[in-house]
Protein backbone atom coordinates (compact mmCIF):
# COMPACT_ATOMS: atom_id res chain seq x y z
CA MET A 1 102.86 143.52 170.76
CA LEU A 2 102.54 140.21 168.94
CA LEU A 3 99.20 139.38 170.59
CA ARG A 4 97.82 142.82 169.75
CA GLN A 5 98.90 142.42 166.11
CA LEU A 6 97.30 138.98 165.97
CA ARG A 7 94.02 140.36 167.28
CA SER A 8 93.95 143.29 164.82
CA SER A 9 94.95 141.51 161.60
CA LEU A 10 93.45 138.51 159.85
CA ILE A 11 96.54 138.36 157.67
CA ALA A 12 98.76 138.04 160.77
CA GLN A 13 96.55 135.24 162.12
CA ALA A 14 96.66 133.40 158.81
CA SER A 15 100.45 133.87 158.68
CA PHE A 16 100.76 132.47 162.22
CA VAL A 17 98.79 129.34 161.31
CA ILE A 18 100.83 128.87 158.13
CA GLY A 19 104.05 129.30 160.14
CA VAL A 20 102.98 126.65 162.68
CA LEU A 21 102.10 124.24 159.89
CA PHE A 22 105.46 124.92 158.26
CA LEU A 23 107.25 124.27 161.58
CA LEU A 24 105.41 120.97 162.03
CA ALA A 25 106.31 119.99 158.51
CA LEU A 26 109.96 120.88 159.14
CA ILE A 27 110.03 118.83 162.35
CA ARG A 28 108.48 115.94 160.51
CA VAL A 29 111.11 116.16 157.78
CA PHE A 30 114.02 116.12 160.25
CA PHE A 31 112.45 113.31 162.27
CA VAL A 32 111.83 111.17 159.19
CA SER A 33 115.38 111.82 157.98
CA GLY A 34 116.83 110.68 161.33
CA LEU A 35 114.64 107.60 161.47
CA ASN A 36 115.60 106.71 157.92
CA TRP A 37 119.28 106.94 158.86
CA LEU A 38 118.81 104.72 161.93
CA GLU A 39 116.62 102.22 160.09
CA ARG A 40 119.13 102.00 157.27
CA HIS A 41 121.88 100.91 159.72
CA ASP A 42 119.48 98.49 161.41
CA ASP A 43 118.58 97.01 158.04
CA VAL A 44 122.28 96.50 157.27
CA ALA A 45 122.82 94.92 160.71
CA ILE A 46 119.85 92.56 160.23
CA ASP A 47 121.15 91.61 156.81
CA THR A 48 124.56 90.95 158.39
CA THR A 49 123.07 88.55 160.99
CA SER A 50 121.23 86.78 158.20
CA ALA A 51 124.52 86.45 156.31
CA LEU A 52 126.19 85.06 159.47
CA ARG A 53 123.42 82.49 159.84
CA SER A 54 123.67 81.48 156.20
CA GLY A 55 127.46 81.19 156.35
CA LEU A 56 127.29 79.05 159.49
CA TYR A 57 124.68 76.78 157.94
CA GLN A 58 126.91 76.36 154.91
CA LEU A 59 129.89 75.40 157.10
CA THR A 60 127.70 73.01 159.09
CA LEU A 61 126.55 71.29 155.93
CA GLU A 62 130.09 71.00 154.66
CA ALA A 63 131.25 69.65 158.03
CA SER A 64 128.48 67.05 158.05
CA ALA A 65 129.35 65.94 154.52
CA SER A 66 133.13 65.56 155.01
CA GLU A 67 135.45 64.35 157.70
CA ALA A 68 137.59 67.51 157.79
CA LEU A 69 137.29 71.08 156.40
CA PRO A 70 140.18 73.10 155.12
CA ALA A 71 141.24 75.87 157.49
CA GLU A 72 140.98 78.54 154.78
CA THR A 73 137.70 78.69 152.82
CA VAL A 74 135.61 81.46 151.32
CA ALA A 75 132.75 80.74 153.75
CA ILE A 76 135.06 81.06 156.77
CA ALA A 77 136.42 84.38 155.48
CA ALA A 78 132.93 85.73 154.79
CA LEU A 79 131.70 84.67 158.25
CA GLN A 80 134.71 86.35 159.87
CA ARG A 81 134.12 89.54 157.83
CA ASN A 82 130.43 89.73 158.69
CA LEU A 83 131.07 89.10 162.35
CA ASP A 84 133.48 92.07 162.41
CA SER A 85 131.21 94.28 160.21
CA GLU A 86 131.43 98.02 160.88
CA ALA A 87 127.68 98.48 160.19
CA LEU A 88 126.86 95.84 162.81
CA ARG A 89 129.15 97.51 165.31
CA LEU A 90 127.57 100.96 164.71
CA ALA A 91 124.08 99.54 165.09
CA LEU A 92 124.99 97.89 168.43
CA GLU A 93 126.76 100.93 169.91
CA ARG A 94 123.60 103.05 170.12
CA PRO A 95 122.24 103.95 173.56
CA GLY A 96 119.97 101.27 175.08
CA ARG A 97 121.49 98.36 173.17
CA ASP A 98 123.99 97.08 175.74
CA SER A 99 122.40 93.62 175.87
CA LEU A 100 122.70 93.24 172.12
CA LYS A 101 126.29 94.43 172.27
CA ALA A 102 127.02 91.77 174.92
CA ILE A 103 125.50 89.07 172.69
CA HIS A 104 127.73 90.24 169.86
CA GLU A 105 130.80 90.01 172.10
CA ARG A 106 129.88 86.46 173.17
CA LEU A 107 129.45 85.52 169.51
CA ARG A 108 132.91 86.78 168.73
CA GLN A 109 134.37 84.90 171.68
CA GLN A 110 132.61 81.67 170.67
CA TRP A 111 133.93 82.11 167.17
CA GLN A 112 137.45 82.89 168.17
CA GLN A 113 137.72 80.36 170.98
CA GLY A 114 135.52 77.51 169.80
CA LEU A 115 134.38 77.41 166.20
CA LEU A 116 137.41 78.81 164.43
CA PRO A 117 139.98 76.58 166.30
CA ALA A 118 137.78 73.53 165.56
CA LEU A 119 137.80 74.41 161.88
CA GLU A 120 141.53 75.02 161.90
CA GLN A 121 142.14 71.64 163.61
CA GLY A 122 139.70 69.82 161.34
CA ASP A 123 137.61 68.65 164.30
CA ASN A 124 134.16 68.47 162.74
CA GLY A 125 132.54 66.96 165.80
CA ARG A 126 133.68 69.76 168.03
CA PHE A 127 132.62 72.30 165.38
CA LEU A 128 129.13 70.88 165.22
CA SER A 129 128.79 70.83 169.02
CA GLU A 130 130.00 74.44 169.28
CA ALA A 131 127.75 75.57 166.43
CA ARG A 132 124.49 74.97 168.30
CA PRO A 133 124.99 77.61 171.08
CA PHE A 134 126.47 79.97 168.47
CA VAL A 135 123.30 79.73 166.40
CA ALA A 136 121.16 80.35 169.48
CA GLU A 137 123.13 83.48 170.33
CA LEU A 138 122.94 84.61 166.69
CA ASP A 139 119.16 84.16 166.68
CA ALA A 140 118.91 86.19 169.86
CA LEU A 141 120.96 88.98 168.25
CA ALA A 142 118.77 89.01 165.12
CA THR A 143 115.59 89.02 167.22
CA GLY A 144 116.86 91.91 169.30
CA LEU A 145 117.76 93.95 166.22
CA GLN A 146 114.34 93.31 164.72
CA LYS A 147 112.66 94.44 167.93
CA GLU A 148 114.72 97.63 167.92
CA HIS A 149 113.74 98.22 164.30
CA ALA A 150 110.08 97.67 165.14
CA ARG A 151 110.41 100.12 168.05
CA LEU A 152 111.74 102.77 165.62
CA GLN A 153 108.79 102.16 163.32
CA SER A 154 106.37 102.49 166.24
CA LEU A 155 108.05 105.75 167.19
CA ASP A 156 107.62 106.96 163.61
CA LEU A 157 103.94 106.01 163.71
CA MET A 158 103.45 107.85 167.00
CA GLN A 159 105.11 110.93 165.56
CA VAL A 160 102.81 110.78 162.51
CA ILE A 161 99.74 110.49 164.73
CA VAL A 162 100.82 113.41 166.92
CA THR A 163 101.58 115.54 163.86
CA MET A 164 98.21 114.70 162.31
CA LEU A 165 96.42 115.53 165.54
CA LEU A 166 98.19 118.88 165.70
CA VAL A 167 97.41 119.62 162.03
CA ILE A 168 93.76 118.65 162.47
CA SER A 169 93.52 120.81 165.58
CA LEU A 170 95.03 123.75 163.73
CA GLN A 171 92.64 123.17 160.82
CA LEU A 172 89.63 123.07 163.10
CA LEU A 173 90.83 126.22 164.81
CA ALA A 174 91.41 127.89 161.43
CA ILE A 175 87.97 126.84 160.21
CA TYR A 176 86.34 128.20 163.35
CA THR A 177 88.28 131.44 163.08
CA LEU A 178 87.52 131.80 159.38
CA ARG A 179 83.83 131.24 159.96
CA ARG A 180 83.58 133.62 162.92
CA LYS A 181 85.90 136.35 161.66
CA VAL A 182 85.73 136.00 157.86
CA ALA A 183 82.75 134.04 156.53
CA LEU A 184 80.04 135.53 158.75
CA PRO A 185 81.28 139.15 158.41
CA LEU A 186 81.69 138.73 154.65
CA GLN A 187 78.19 137.27 154.35
CA GLU A 188 76.83 140.19 156.35
CA LEU A 189 78.69 142.59 154.04
CA VAL A 190 77.37 140.82 150.92
CA ASP A 191 73.79 140.82 152.23
CA ALA A 192 74.07 144.50 153.13
CA THR A 193 75.49 145.29 149.69
CA GLU A 194 72.65 143.43 147.92
CA LYS A 195 70.01 145.19 150.01
CA PHE A 196 71.74 148.52 149.44
CA ARG A 197 71.81 147.89 145.70
CA ALA A 198 68.11 146.94 145.83
CA GLY A 199 67.34 150.39 147.20
CA ASN A 200 67.47 149.94 150.97
CA LEU A 201 69.69 152.91 151.72
CA GLY A 202 69.20 152.54 155.48
CA ILE A 203 70.98 149.17 155.76
CA ARG A 204 74.17 149.09 157.84
CA VAL A 205 76.71 146.41 158.83
CA GLY A 206 76.75 145.46 162.53
CA TYR A 207 80.13 143.70 162.62
CA GLN A 208 82.66 145.59 164.73
CA ALA A 209 86.29 144.55 165.14
CA GLN A 210 89.82 145.90 164.81
CA ASP A 211 90.78 143.64 161.90
CA GLU A 212 90.53 144.28 158.18
CA LEU A 213 86.88 143.24 157.86
CA GLY A 214 85.99 145.45 160.81
CA ARG A 215 87.59 148.40 159.06
CA LEU A 216 85.84 147.38 155.82
CA ALA A 217 82.49 147.31 157.62
CA LEU A 218 83.18 150.75 159.04
CA SER A 219 84.07 152.02 155.54
CA PHE A 220 80.87 150.50 154.16
CA ASN A 221 78.75 152.23 156.77
CA THR A 222 80.51 155.54 156.08
CA MET A 223 80.03 155.10 152.33
CA ALA A 224 76.36 154.18 152.83
CA ASP A 225 75.80 157.36 154.83
CA ALA A 226 77.46 159.45 152.12
CA LEU A 227 75.50 157.74 149.34
CA ALA A 228 72.24 158.17 151.20
CA ASP A 229 72.90 161.90 151.49
CA SER A 230 73.92 162.07 147.83
CA HIS A 231 70.80 160.14 146.84
CA ARG A 232 68.59 162.61 148.65
CA GLN A 233 70.31 165.47 146.84
CA LEU A 234 70.01 163.69 143.49
CA GLU A 235 66.31 163.11 144.04
CA GLU A 236 65.86 166.81 144.55
CA GLN A 237 67.82 167.56 141.36
CA VAL A 238 65.89 164.92 139.42
CA GLN A 239 62.61 166.44 140.49
CA ASN A 240 63.86 169.77 139.22
CA LYS A 241 64.89 168.34 135.83
CA VAL A 242 61.97 166.00 135.16
CA HIS A 243 59.90 168.80 133.75
CA ARG A 244 62.75 169.95 131.50
CA LEU A 245 63.35 166.43 130.25
CA ALA A 246 59.64 166.03 129.53
CA GLN A 247 59.73 169.24 127.51
CA ALA A 248 62.85 168.11 125.63
CA ASN A 249 61.34 164.69 124.97
CA ALA A 250 58.16 166.23 123.60
CA ALA A 251 60.25 168.52 121.39
CA LEU A 252 62.34 165.63 120.09
CA GLU A 253 59.22 163.61 119.41
CA LEU A 254 57.79 166.56 117.52
CA LEU A 255 61.01 166.86 115.49
CA PHE A 256 60.95 163.14 114.74
CA ARG A 257 57.37 163.16 113.54
CA SER A 258 57.79 166.35 111.58
CA SER A 259 60.94 164.96 109.88
CA HIS A 260 58.89 162.04 108.61
CA THR A 261 56.13 164.37 107.42
CA LEU A 262 58.49 166.87 105.77
CA ALA A 263 60.45 164.04 104.09
CA GLN A 264 57.30 162.78 102.35
CA SER A 265 55.81 166.13 101.38
CA PRO A 266 57.20 169.46 100.19
CA SER A 267 58.39 171.80 102.92
CA GLY A 268 55.96 174.61 102.24
CA ALA A 269 54.92 177.52 104.38
CA GLY A 270 51.93 175.62 105.78
CA ALA A 271 54.03 172.69 107.05
CA LEU A 272 56.65 175.00 108.59
CA GLU A 273 53.94 177.16 110.20
CA GLU A 274 52.41 174.06 111.76
CA LEU A 275 55.83 172.97 113.07
CA LEU A 276 56.45 176.36 114.71
CA ARG A 277 52.93 176.48 116.14
CA ARG A 278 53.32 173.05 117.78
CA PHE A 279 56.87 173.69 119.01
CA GLN A 280 56.22 176.99 120.83
CA PRO A 281 53.98 175.57 123.64
CA LEU A 282 56.72 173.13 124.60
CA LEU A 283 58.70 176.01 126.11
CA PRO A 284 56.19 178.28 127.89
CA GLY A 285 56.45 181.90 126.84
CA LEU A 286 58.51 181.13 123.69
CA HIS A 287 57.91 183.10 120.50
CA LEU A 288 59.53 181.94 117.24
CA ALA A 289 59.92 183.70 113.91
CA LEU A 290 61.37 181.95 110.87
CA SER A 291 62.82 184.04 108.03
CA LEU A 292 63.73 182.24 104.79
CA GLN A 293 65.73 183.44 101.79
CA SER A 294 64.28 183.02 98.34
CA ASP A 295 67.58 181.67 96.91
CA PRO A 296 70.42 180.45 99.18
CA ASP A 297 72.97 180.81 96.34
CA GLN A 298 72.32 184.53 96.00
CA PRO A 299 72.89 187.39 98.51
CA ALA A 300 70.15 187.87 101.08
CA GLY A 301 67.21 189.58 99.46
CA HIS A 302 63.54 189.27 100.16
CA LEU A 303 62.65 187.15 103.18
CA VAL A 304 59.50 185.22 104.02
CA THR A 305 58.87 185.34 107.78
CA LEU A 306 56.73 182.71 109.49
CA ASN A 307 55.76 183.18 113.13
CA GLY A 308 53.40 180.31 113.80
CA ASN A 309 50.15 182.32 113.64
CA SER A 310 49.18 181.53 110.03
CA VAL A 311 50.44 184.93 108.91
CA ALA A 312 53.34 185.12 106.46
CA ASP A 313 55.23 188.40 106.15
CA VAL A 314 57.22 189.17 103.01
CA HIS A 315 59.79 191.92 103.44
CA GLY A 316 63.24 192.92 102.40
CA GLU A 317 65.20 192.54 105.62
CA ALA A 318 64.78 190.67 108.87
CA CYS A 319 63.30 192.63 111.75
CA ASN A 320 65.40 192.54 114.91
CA GLU A 321 63.75 192.82 118.31
CA ALA A 322 65.22 193.21 121.75
CA HIS A 323 65.97 190.19 123.96
CA GLN A 324 65.95 187.67 121.15
CA GLN A 325 68.35 184.97 120.04
CA VAL A 326 69.09 184.38 116.35
CA TYR A 327 69.90 180.87 115.04
CA ALA A 328 71.11 180.27 111.51
CA VAL A 329 69.06 177.88 109.38
CA ARG A 330 71.69 176.15 107.28
CA SER A 331 72.35 172.85 105.53
CA GLN A 332 75.41 171.58 103.66
CA GLY A 333 77.22 174.86 104.32
CA LYS A 334 74.46 177.03 102.81
CA VAL A 335 72.53 179.56 104.87
CA LEU A 336 68.82 179.25 104.09
CA GLY A 337 67.51 181.77 106.62
CA GLU A 338 67.37 182.40 110.35
CA LEU A 339 65.22 181.41 113.30
CA ARG A 340 64.65 184.09 115.96
CA ALA A 341 63.54 183.15 119.46
CA ARG A 342 62.49 185.21 122.47
CA PHE A 343 60.50 184.72 125.69
CA SER A 344 57.62 186.81 126.94
CA GLU A 345 59.40 187.61 130.21
CA ALA A 346 62.47 188.79 128.27
CA ARG A 347 64.81 186.26 129.88
CA ASP A 348 67.88 184.60 128.43
CA LEU A 349 67.74 181.04 127.17
CA VAL A 350 69.45 178.34 129.20
CA GLU A 351 71.88 175.99 127.52
CA TRP A 352 69.50 173.08 126.95
CA GLU A 353 66.78 175.38 125.57
CA ALA A 354 69.26 176.96 123.16
CA ALA A 355 70.45 173.52 122.03
CA LEU A 356 66.83 172.45 121.44
CA ILE A 357 66.01 175.54 119.37
CA GLN A 358 69.24 175.08 117.39
CA ALA A 359 68.20 171.47 116.71
CA LEU A 360 64.87 172.84 115.40
CA ALA A 361 66.75 175.25 113.12
CA ASP A 362 69.00 172.44 111.82
CA HIS A 363 65.95 170.26 111.30
CA ILE A 364 64.21 172.97 109.27
CA GLY A 365 67.40 173.48 107.24
CA SER A 366 67.70 169.76 106.45
CA ALA A 367 64.02 169.58 105.48
CA LEU A 368 64.32 172.58 103.16
CA MET A 369 67.50 171.26 101.55
CA LEU A 370 65.93 167.82 101.12
CA SER A 371 62.89 169.36 99.45
CA ARG A 372 65.07 171.40 97.10
CA GLN A 373 67.24 168.40 96.28
CA ARG A 374 64.12 166.36 95.55
CA GLU A 375 62.90 169.08 93.21
CA HIS A 376 66.33 169.22 91.55
CA GLU A 377 66.38 165.46 91.09
CA ASN A 378 62.91 165.55 89.55
CA ARG A 379 64.12 168.19 87.10
CA LEU A 380 67.16 166.10 86.19
CA LEU A 381 64.96 163.03 85.75
CA LEU A 382 62.57 164.93 83.51
CA LEU A 383 65.49 166.30 81.50
CA GLY A 384 66.97 162.80 81.18
CA GLU A 385 63.66 161.41 79.94
CA ARG A 386 63.39 164.24 77.41
CA ASN A 387 66.94 163.59 76.19
CA THR A 388 66.23 159.87 75.90
CA ILE A 389 63.08 160.50 73.85
CA ALA A 390 64.90 163.00 71.64
CA ARG A 391 67.78 160.61 71.01
CA GLU A 392 65.44 157.71 70.21
CA LEU A 393 63.44 159.86 67.81
CA HIS A 394 66.65 161.10 66.18
CA ASP A 395 68.15 157.59 65.81
CA SER A 396 65.01 155.95 64.40
CA LEU A 397 62.04 158.01 63.34
CA ALA A 398 64.03 161.08 62.24
CA GLN A 399 66.25 158.91 60.01
CA SER A 400 63.19 157.30 58.44
CA LEU A 401 61.57 160.66 57.83
CA SER A 402 64.81 161.97 56.27
CA PHE A 403 64.87 158.95 53.97
CA MET A 404 61.24 159.53 52.98
CA LYS A 405 61.97 163.20 52.35
CA LEU A 406 64.71 162.20 49.92
CA GLN A 407 62.38 159.73 48.25
CA ILE A 408 59.68 162.40 47.88
CA ALA A 409 62.24 164.75 46.27
CA ARG A 410 63.29 161.91 43.97
CA LEU A 411 59.64 161.19 43.13
CA GLN A 412 59.01 164.85 42.29
CA ALA A 413 62.08 164.89 40.03
CA LEU A 414 60.88 161.79 38.17
CA ILE A 415 57.42 163.28 37.65
CA LEU A 416 58.87 166.57 36.38
CA GLN A 417 61.20 164.70 34.05
CA GLY A 418 58.26 162.69 32.70
CA GLU A 419 59.68 159.31 33.56
CA ASP A 420 57.61 156.20 32.89
CA CYS A 421 55.19 154.74 35.40
CA HIS A 422 57.47 151.87 36.39
CA ALA A 423 60.16 154.19 37.79
CA VAL A 424 57.53 156.25 39.60
CA GLU A 425 55.92 153.12 41.04
CA ALA A 426 59.32 151.84 42.24
CA VAL A 427 59.98 155.07 44.12
CA ALA A 428 56.41 155.02 45.47
CA ASP A 429 56.96 151.45 46.74
CA GLU A 430 60.14 152.50 48.50
CA LEU A 431 58.28 155.47 49.97
CA ARG A 432 55.46 153.17 51.16
CA GLU A 433 58.00 150.81 52.76
CA GLY A 434 59.67 153.78 54.47
CA ILE A 435 56.31 154.92 55.87
CA ASN A 436 55.65 151.41 57.17
CA ASP A 437 59.08 151.29 58.76
CA ALA A 438 58.53 154.70 60.35
CA TYR A 439 55.17 153.57 61.75
CA ARG A 440 56.77 150.36 63.07
CA GLN A 441 59.60 152.30 64.70
CA LEU A 442 57.10 154.68 66.27
CA ARG A 443 55.13 151.77 67.70
CA GLU A 444 58.34 150.19 69.03
CA LEU A 445 59.37 153.47 70.65
CA LEU A 446 56.00 153.78 72.35
CA THR A 447 56.34 150.24 73.68
CA THR A 448 59.89 150.93 74.90
CA PHE A 449 58.96 154.19 76.61
CA ARG A 450 56.36 152.37 78.65
CA LEU A 451 59.10 150.29 80.32
CA ASP A 452 59.16 150.35 84.11
CA ILE A 453 62.57 150.56 85.79
CA GLY A 454 62.80 147.05 87.21
CA GLY A 455 63.80 143.51 86.26
CA VAL A 456 60.24 142.20 85.92
CA ALA A 457 59.19 144.93 83.47
CA LEU A 458 62.35 144.30 81.42
CA ALA A 459 61.58 140.60 81.14
CA ASP A 460 58.00 141.41 80.12
CA ALA A 461 59.25 143.81 77.44
CA LEU A 462 61.61 141.17 76.04
CA GLN A 463 58.83 138.55 76.01
CA GLU A 464 56.41 140.95 74.32
CA ALA A 465 58.98 141.77 71.61
CA VAL A 466 59.69 138.08 71.01
CA GLN A 467 55.96 137.31 70.62
CA GLU A 468 55.48 140.29 68.30
CA PHE A 469 58.28 139.27 65.90
CA SER A 470 57.23 135.62 66.05
CA ARG A 471 53.75 136.58 64.79
CA ARG A 472 55.09 139.06 62.24
CA GLY A 473 57.60 136.79 60.51
CA ASP A 474 56.34 133.31 61.29
CA VAL A 475 59.64 132.62 63.06
CA SER A 476 60.01 130.40 66.13
CA ILE A 477 61.88 132.56 68.63
CA HIS A 478 63.04 131.10 71.98
CA LEU A 479 63.70 133.50 74.85
CA GLN A 480 65.98 132.59 77.77
CA ALA A 481 66.13 135.57 80.14
CA GLU A 482 67.73 135.08 83.55
CA SER A 483 66.82 137.28 86.50
CA LEU A 484 69.54 139.90 86.97
CA ALA A 485 70.92 140.58 90.43
CA VAL A 486 72.25 144.01 89.37
CA PRO A 487 69.64 146.72 88.58
CA LEU A 488 69.77 148.36 85.15
CA SER A 489 69.11 152.04 84.56
CA ALA A 490 66.27 153.18 82.33
CA ALA A 491 68.69 154.09 79.52
CA GLU A 492 70.40 150.67 79.72
CA GLN A 493 67.05 148.88 79.56
CA ILE A 494 65.91 150.94 76.56
CA HIS A 495 69.15 150.34 74.63
CA LEU A 496 69.05 146.62 75.47
CA VAL A 497 65.47 146.22 74.24
CA GLN A 498 66.06 148.30 71.12
CA ILE A 499 69.19 146.35 70.12
CA MET A 500 67.26 143.09 70.53
CA ARG A 501 64.30 144.43 68.50
CA GLU A 502 66.62 145.64 65.70
CA ALA A 503 68.34 142.24 65.61
CA LEU A 504 65.00 140.40 65.46
CA ALA A 505 63.75 142.81 62.76
CA ASN A 506 66.78 141.99 60.59
CA CYS A 507 66.20 138.29 61.28
CA VAL A 508 62.55 138.50 60.16
CA ARG A 509 62.96 140.85 57.20
CA HIS A 510 66.33 139.88 55.70
CA ALA A 511 67.70 136.60 57.09
CA GLY A 512 64.81 134.36 56.05
CA ALA A 513 65.26 132.39 59.27
CA SER A 514 62.83 129.81 60.59
CA GLU A 515 64.17 129.72 64.16
CA ALA A 516 65.94 132.21 66.40
CA ARG A 517 67.17 132.26 69.99
CA VAL A 518 67.52 135.18 72.44
CA VAL A 519 69.61 134.76 75.60
CA LEU A 520 69.99 137.36 78.36
CA ARG A 521 72.24 136.45 81.27
CA ALA A 522 74.78 137.82 83.74
CA ASP A 523 78.43 136.83 83.24
CA GLY A 524 80.35 137.95 86.31
CA GLN A 525 79.99 141.73 86.46
CA GLU A 526 78.84 142.01 82.85
CA ILE A 527 75.48 141.56 81.13
CA GLU A 528 75.44 139.51 77.93
CA LEU A 529 72.71 139.55 75.24
CA VAL A 530 72.95 136.98 72.45
CA VAL A 531 70.60 136.86 69.42
CA GLU A 532 71.26 134.15 66.83
CA ASP A 533 69.23 132.66 63.96
CA ASP A 534 69.51 129.96 61.28
CA GLY A 535 69.00 132.28 58.33
CA CYS A 536 71.22 133.13 55.36
CA GLY A 537 73.69 135.14 57.39
CA MET A 538 75.30 138.45 56.44
CA THR A 539 75.97 139.05 52.71
CA PRO A 540 77.55 141.95 50.78
CA GLN A 541 74.17 142.56 49.12
CA ASP A 542 72.54 143.72 52.39
CA ASP A 543 70.58 146.92 51.73
CA ASP A 544 71.29 150.35 53.16
CA TRP A 545 68.47 150.00 55.70
CA GLN A 546 70.17 146.96 57.27
CA HIS A 547 73.57 148.69 57.39
CA HIS A 548 71.88 151.73 58.93
CA GLY A 549 70.28 149.50 61.63
CA ILE A 550 73.65 147.90 62.41
CA ALA A 551 75.23 151.33 62.78
CA ILE A 552 72.47 152.38 65.18
CA MET A 553 73.01 149.19 67.24
CA HIS A 554 76.75 149.93 67.50
CA GLU A 555 75.96 153.47 68.58
CA ARG A 556 73.59 152.17 71.26
CA ALA A 557 76.25 149.73 72.51
CA ARG A 558 78.82 152.53 72.78
CA SER A 559 76.37 154.73 74.70
CA ILE A 560 76.25 152.15 77.52
CA ALA A 561 80.03 151.47 77.36
CA GLY A 562 79.46 148.03 75.81
CA THR A 563 80.79 146.00 72.88
CA LEU A 564 78.73 144.62 70.00
CA HIS A 565 79.86 141.75 67.77
CA ILE A 566 77.90 140.58 64.70
CA GLU A 567 79.15 137.59 62.76
CA SER A 568 77.96 134.76 60.55
CA GLY A 569 77.74 131.33 62.11
CA GLN A 570 79.80 128.37 60.83
CA ALA A 571 76.62 126.46 59.95
CA GLY A 572 74.87 129.54 58.60
CA GLY A 573 72.80 132.22 60.25
CA THR A 574 73.84 135.34 62.15
CA ARG A 575 74.99 135.70 65.74
CA LEU A 576 74.82 139.03 67.62
CA GLN A 577 76.53 139.41 70.99
CA LEU A 578 76.24 142.48 73.25
CA ARG A 579 78.30 142.72 76.45
CA PHE A 580 78.35 145.69 78.86
CA ARG A 581 78.97 146.42 82.50
CA PRO A 582 75.98 148.03 84.26
CA GLY A 583 76.46 151.58 85.42
CA PHE A 584 75.50 150.46 88.94
CA LEU A 585 78.87 148.65 89.18
CA SER A 586 80.94 151.39 87.53
CA GLU A 587 83.47 153.25 89.67
CA GLN A 588 82.42 156.57 88.11
CA PRO A 589 78.77 157.46 87.42
CA ARG A 590 77.94 156.96 83.73
CA GLY A 591 76.61 160.06 82.06
CA HIS A 592 73.43 160.02 80.05
CA THR A 593 74.03 160.32 76.32
CA PRO A 594 71.60 162.76 74.77
């Protein structure tokens, strides 16, 4: 039973080897423990003989130096105690040490009958004569104990050598067994696995045994047979689906290319007709008809039907035919029409064909909705530009024209009343100045409306305005405009430029300044515009035109959710500061102020 289990299990063989090694280690432990116990007693016995020799030498020296020794001394007591030592007796009573035990008995007799009586009688001469044979016997005892100790050490060495030989033999046997029953079969399994993974489905493992690796090899061969059969079946299925995948890939490629085309151009009838005409050959026998509603927000009315043959049919209701599938063309929850599909052989669509046609319908819906959103955004942009132009004309040119209208009415009243020429000329001068201001404002509006939406065009507009006012008023104006990391909307750029132009106009016309500075920079999430000059500053005598311009600047600042501060400097001059947060960083979209 045990031999059969060892033959059929690598784990049992490994456990057997480990058990033998453990048994050898256990034997070694008990053997070393016993030797240590014996050697410890031998060491004590050898130390005792050394103590006897030392004590005898001490008594000999004392006897040689004096005529008589006292019968009771510490050295005599120590020699007597060592001679009767229990450790020495235990060491000599072991088997095989009868000769050493006899030497110990003779030593005791010599001590009791010769040396001790001589010491008690004070006969130093006799003591010295008896000490010589005693020392010889003592040396023989010590030599014998040392030999016994050396024999124990030799026995320990022999046991170590035998144990090592057994361990090495077991290791060699284990290595041989591991190589023959583990390493080689595993290598064969690994090689077979690599070849199988590389595509060699006919590879098999030749190792046969009753152990675990033998069963693993058998399982591998069984699995390889099953996988080979499955692979043959999969190849047949792949061959059947290659054509379908090619059709689906061509359809997806067509959808991808058409999405790019429809995203860049309006989704008109021509583009949709071309899409249907190119999609139909991908599924042989397929006929498509696309019906679109005129307005997705209204109930279904007139439909435009496209069938891929360059013929558009306009009718009131969709025409239903037998053996056709209808797919809704929708986007963002709105139904834009329907796509009807049928085959020439009047068969039903399979799942992947239906999914592909539905993808085409969704693609058409997204393209139509994108086109309509683009058109809606263009309308909103055009409306925003119209509102911006209307507001600018109302805030500048319309105010100037209203002022001139009042001046004309005043001039007519003066003429009818027959006032003198000086009053008429004063009103005419004011009217001429109003016309010049209106022309200047019109020119500034035209320059502002030509702004491009971008940081470079904004910087160019600021530089152009600075150069214009420098030439007009002979004022040295320094511009420091940093590049802005946050984009500004068209309305924000227009208000920014107009506020700066109004501030420079006041500087040139009213402040009498010789130098001005314009700074545009970003401060955290806010944009700051500073215009300051070295003129006369703000005075109570400022005319109505200047107060009107300041009111317009405040209105522009409020329209972009900003703050405007105008104050006189401590050393003279005027300082204007505009701060606002761009709409790009606002949590809620900022509406356009008409």
